[in-house]
């Protein structure tokens, strides 16, 4: 990933938070050419600081072939993103030296990917994933709410994925390279476009500059 210094994110807590808040990932491996799958992945950190990403795929997915061997993989997590208009830059009125761009925050995770077939492991994963996604609900759905025979069939139709993390890299491209007046213009423009989440991320990132 191209990493200008202004956009490089190295705070471990910030990287972990993006993964937890935006768990839907693109998982890329080399499998007779490049293969990409899209799925939510949960981050698990052990006491020694090492990390694992876990999720599941349909057993019918070609990636889950019985001959699958551990492979290097890249998981991409996308945070808020959106278009930035040159019209939001006050400097445009002075010299016109501005151009459209795109603001975003992403995390790339590299590691070794393996598959998990143990139904007990899959049940624990599905329970943890459901609890994570339902955490904001007033009446969260639990795995135990479904009939046992139905759960057994669903689990039998899935395969777990486990990525042992080797490297985590983050990029927050949030107008940090712009002068303060343009940063403020971007924040205001995003708010007018009702991109409130992205505007909050820009505000936080540029407050540190």
Protein backbone atom coordinates (compact mmCIF):
# COMPACT_ATOMS: atom_id res chain seq x y z
CA UNK A 1 0.00 0.00 0.00
CA UNK A 2 1.35 3.43 -0.96
CA UNK A 3 2.06 5.25 2.30
CA UNK A 4 2.85 8.98 2.29
CA UNK A 5 4.16 9.86 5.75
CA UNK A 6 1.28 12.24 6.49
CA UNK A 7 -1.26 9.44 6.15
CA UNK A 8 0.53 6.57 7.90
CA UNK A 9 -1.37 5.27 10.94
CA UNK A 10 0.78 3.40 13.45
CA UNK A 11 -1.26 3.51 16.66
CA UNK A 12 -2.09 -0.09 17.51
CA UNK A 13 -5.28 0.83 19.36
CA UNK A 14 -6.56 2.87 16.41
CA UNK A 15 -5.90 0.00 13.99
CA UNK A 16 -7.65 -2.51 16.26
CA UNK A 17 -10.61 -0.16 16.72
CA UNK A 18 -11.16 0.22 12.98
CA UNK A 19 -11.14 -3.57 12.54
CA UNK A 20 -13.66 -3.99 15.37
CA UNK A 21 -15.91 -1.13 14.23
CA UNK A 22 -15.82 -2.05 10.52
CA UNK A 23 -15.44 -5.86 10.55
CA UNK A 24 -16.58 -6.53 6.96
CA UNK A 25 -13.34 -7.40 5.17
CA UNK A 26 -12.05 -8.30 1.73
CA UNK A 27 -9.91 -11.43 2.08
CA UNK A 28 -7.44 -11.99 -0.76
CA UNK A 29 -5.38 -15.12 -1.39
CA UNK A 30 -3.46 -16.73 -4.24
CA UNK A 31 -5.56 -19.67 -5.44
CA UNK A 32 -5.11 -20.43 -9.14
CA UNK A 33 -4.76 -16.69 -9.56
CA UNK A 34 -5.97 -14.08 -7.10
CA UNK A 35 -9.17 -14.95 -5.23
CA UNK A 36 -11.14 -12.49 -3.11
CA UNK A 37 -13.89 -13.21 -0.61
CA UNK A 38 -15.96 -10.78 1.45
CA UNK A 39 -16.87 -11.60 5.03
CA UNK A 40 -16.89 -10.20 8.57
CA UNK A 41 -13.74 -11.02 10.53
CA UNK A 42 -13.29 -10.74 14.28
CA UNK A 43 -10.01 -9.69 15.84
CA UNK A 44 -8.75 -11.78 18.76
CA UNK A 45 -5.69 -10.65 20.72
CA UNK A 46 -3.86 -12.96 23.07
CA UNK A 47 -2.12 -11.93 26.26
CA UNK A 48 1.25 -11.86 24.51
CA UNK A 49 -0.06 -9.32 21.98
CA UNK A 50 -0.26 -11.71 19.04
CA UNK A 51 -3.45 -11.43 16.99
CA UNK A 52 -5.75 -13.67 14.98
CA UNK A 53 -8.61 -12.84 12.63
CA UNK A 54 -11.45 -15.37 12.55
CA UNK A 55 -14.55 -15.77 10.41
CA UNK A 56 -16.40 -18.29 8.28
CA UNK A 57 -17.31 -19.08 4.69
CA UNK A 58 -19.87 -21.32 3.03
CA UNK A 59 -18.58 -24.87 2.69
CA UNK A 60 -19.56 -24.69 -1.01
CA UNK A 61 -17.07 -21.84 -1.55
CA UNK A 62 -14.24 -23.04 -3.85
CA UNK A 63 -11.74 -21.66 -1.35
CA UNK A 64 -12.87 -24.36 1.11
CA UNK A 65 -11.76 -27.25 -1.08
CA UNK A 66 -10.51 -30.27 0.87
CA UNK A 67 -7.05 -29.84 -0.61
CA UNK A 68 -6.65 -26.35 0.85
CA UNK A 69 -3.23 -25.72 2.37
CA UNK A 70 -2.18 -22.82 4.65
CA UNK A 71 -1.53 -19.78 2.49
CA UNK A 72 -0.44 -16.16 2.81
CA UNK A 73 -3.45 -13.86 2.85
CA UNK A 74 -4.35 -10.17 2.92
CA UNK A 75 -7.44 -8.89 4.73
CA UNK A 76 -8.56 -5.33 3.92
CA UNK A 77 -10.82 -3.37 6.26
CA UNK A 78 -12.44 -0.13 5.10
CA UNK A 79 -13.43 2.63 7.50
CA UNK A 80 -15.32 5.79 6.50
CA UNK A 81 -14.64 7.10 2.99
CA UNK A 82 -15.95 9.74 0.64
CA UNK A 83 -15.37 12.30 -2.10
CA UNK A 84 -13.73 15.67 -1.36
CA UNK A 85 -14.66 18.55 -3.70
CA UNK A 86 -12.15 21.28 -4.61
CA UNK A 87 -14.97 23.75 -3.95
CA UNK A 88 -14.55 23.09 -0.23
CA UNK A 89 -11.02 24.56 -0.20
CA UNK A 90 -10.86 28.30 0.58
CA UNK A 91 -7.48 28.37 -1.19
CA UNK A 92 -9.32 27.71 -4.49
CA UNK A 93 -10.44 31.35 -4.58
CA UNK A 94 -6.84 32.58 -4.46
CA UNK A 95 -4.97 30.47 -6.99
CA UNK A 96 -7.21 27.63 -8.20
CA UNK A 97 -4.45 25.11 -7.49
CA UNK A 98 -6.74 22.42 -6.11
CA UNK A 99 -8.02 19.07 -7.33
CA UNK A 100 -10.68 16.54 -6.33
CA UNK A 101 -9.63 13.73 -4.02
CA UNK A 102 -11.00 10.94 -1.87
CA UNK A 103 -10.65 10.67 1.90
CA UNK A 104 -10.62 7.27 3.58
CA UNK A 105 -9.26 5.09 6.35
CA UNK A 106 -8.12 1.51 5.70
CA UNK A 107 -6.31 -1.28 7.49
CA UNK A 108 -4.36 -4.05 5.73
CA UNK A 109 -3.68 -7.24 7.67
CA UNK A 110 -1.26 -9.87 6.37
CA UNK A 111 -0.72 -13.33 7.74
CA UNK A 112 -1.15 -17.07 7.23
CA UNK A 113 -4.64 -18.36 6.56
CA UNK A 114 -5.91 -21.78 7.62
CA UNK A 115 -9.33 -23.43 7.60
CA UNK A 116 -11.19 -24.77 10.63
CA UNK A 117 -13.72 -27.63 10.38
CA UNK A 118 -14.39 -28.39 14.07
CA UNK A 119 -18.13 -27.78 14.68
CA UNK A 120 -17.46 -26.77 18.31
CA UNK A 121 -15.00 -24.12 17.15
CA UNK A 122 -17.51 -22.88 14.57
CA UNK A 123 -20.32 -22.71 17.12
CA UNK A 124 -18.16 -20.64 19.47
CA UNK A 125 -17.17 -18.35 16.59
CA UNK A 126 -20.76 -17.84 15.44
CA UNK A 127 -21.81 -17.06 19.00
CA UNK A 128 -19.01 -14.51 19.41
CA UNK A 129 -19.67 -12.94 16.01
CA UNK A 130 -23.40 -12.67 16.69
CA UNK A 131 -22.84 -11.16 20.14
CA UNK A 132 -20.47 -8.58 18.61
CA UNK A 133 -22.88 -7.57 15.85
CA UNK A 134 -25.94 -7.55 18.13
CA UNK A 135 -24.25 -5.60 20.93
CA UNK A 136 -26.06 -2.37 20.06
CA UNK A 137 -29.52 -3.92 19.99
CA UNK A 138 -32.06 -3.47 22.78
CA UNK A 139 -33.11 -7.10 22.33
CA UNK A 140 -30.03 -8.87 20.93
CA UNK A 141 -30.51 -12.11 19.05
CA UNK A 142 -28.52 -15.03 20.46
CA UNK A 143 -27.43 -18.24 18.81
CA UNK A 144 -29.52 -20.20 21.29
CA UNK A 145 -32.66 -18.48 19.96
CA UNK A 146 -32.57 -20.74 16.87
CA UNK A 147 -33.67 -24.40 16.95
CA UNK A 148 -30.81 -26.79 17.65
CA UNK A 149 -31.36 -28.90 14.53
CA UNK A 150 -31.33 -25.77 12.39
CA UNK A 151 -28.05 -24.62 13.96
CA UNK A 152 -26.50 -28.02 13.36
CA UNK A 153 -27.38 -27.82 9.65
CA UNK A 154 -26.09 -24.28 9.33
CA UNK A 155 -22.81 -25.10 11.08
CA UNK A 156 -22.35 -28.18 8.90
CA UNK A 157 -22.63 -25.90 5.85
CA UNK A 158 -19.83 -23.57 6.97
CA UNK A 159 -16.06 -23.66 7.28
CA UNK A 160 -14.07 -21.45 9.63
CA UNK A 161 -11.16 -19.28 8.54
CA UNK A 162 -8.32 -18.27 10.82
CA UNK A 163 -5.64 -15.76 9.87
CA UNK A 164 -2.59 -15.65 12.13
CA UNK A 165 -1.58 -12.02 11.90
CA UNK A 166 1.95 -11.20 10.79
CA UNK A 167 1.58 -7.49 10.01
CA UNK A 168 -1.03 -4.75 10.43
CA UNK A 169 -0.72 -1.57 8.38
CA UNK A 170 -3.03 1.44 8.48
CA UNK A 171 -3.59 4.47 6.28
CA UNK A 172 -5.73 7.41 7.35
CA UNK A 173 -5.99 9.75 4.30
CA UNK A 174 -8.00 12.52 5.93
CA UNK A 175 -6.74 15.86 4.58
CA UNK A 176 -3.74 15.96 6.95
CA UNK A 177 -1.62 17.34 4.05
CA UNK A 178 -3.84 20.39 3.58
CA UNK A 179 -3.47 23.80 5.27
CA UNK A 180 -5.79 24.39 8.23
CA UNK A 181 -8.24 26.53 6.27
CA UNK A 182 -8.73 23.75 3.72
CA UNK A 183 -9.06 21.12 6.45
CA UNK A 184 -11.84 23.20 8.00
CA UNK A 185 -13.44 23.56 4.59
CA UNK A 186 -13.42 19.78 4.09
CA UNK A 187 -15.02 19.22 7.50
CA UNK A 188 -17.76 21.75 6.71
CA UNK A 189 -18.32 20.33 3.22
CA UNK A 190 -18.65 16.78 4.50
CA UNK A 191 -21.14 17.93 7.14
CA UNK A 192 -23.22 19.70 4.49
CA UNK A 193 -23.19 16.45 2.47
CA UNK A 194 -24.30 14.62 5.64
CA UNK A 195 -21.14 12.54 5.71
CA UNK A 196 -21.00 13.06 9.45
CA UNK A 197 -18.91 10.01 10.30
CA UNK A 198 -16.20 10.90 7.80
CA UNK A 199 -16.22 14.55 8.88
CA UNK A 200 -15.66 13.44 12.48
CA UNK A 201 -12.70 11.30 11.41
CA UNK A 202 -11.18 14.23 9.48
CA UNK A 203 -11.70 16.51 12.46
CA UNK A 204 -9.96 14.07 14.77
CA UNK A 205 -7.07 13.39 12.37
CA UNK A 206 -6.36 17.01 11.57
CA UNK A 207 -6.56 18.11 15.21
CA UNK A 208 -3.24 16.26 15.72
CA UNK A 209 -1.42 18.01 12.88
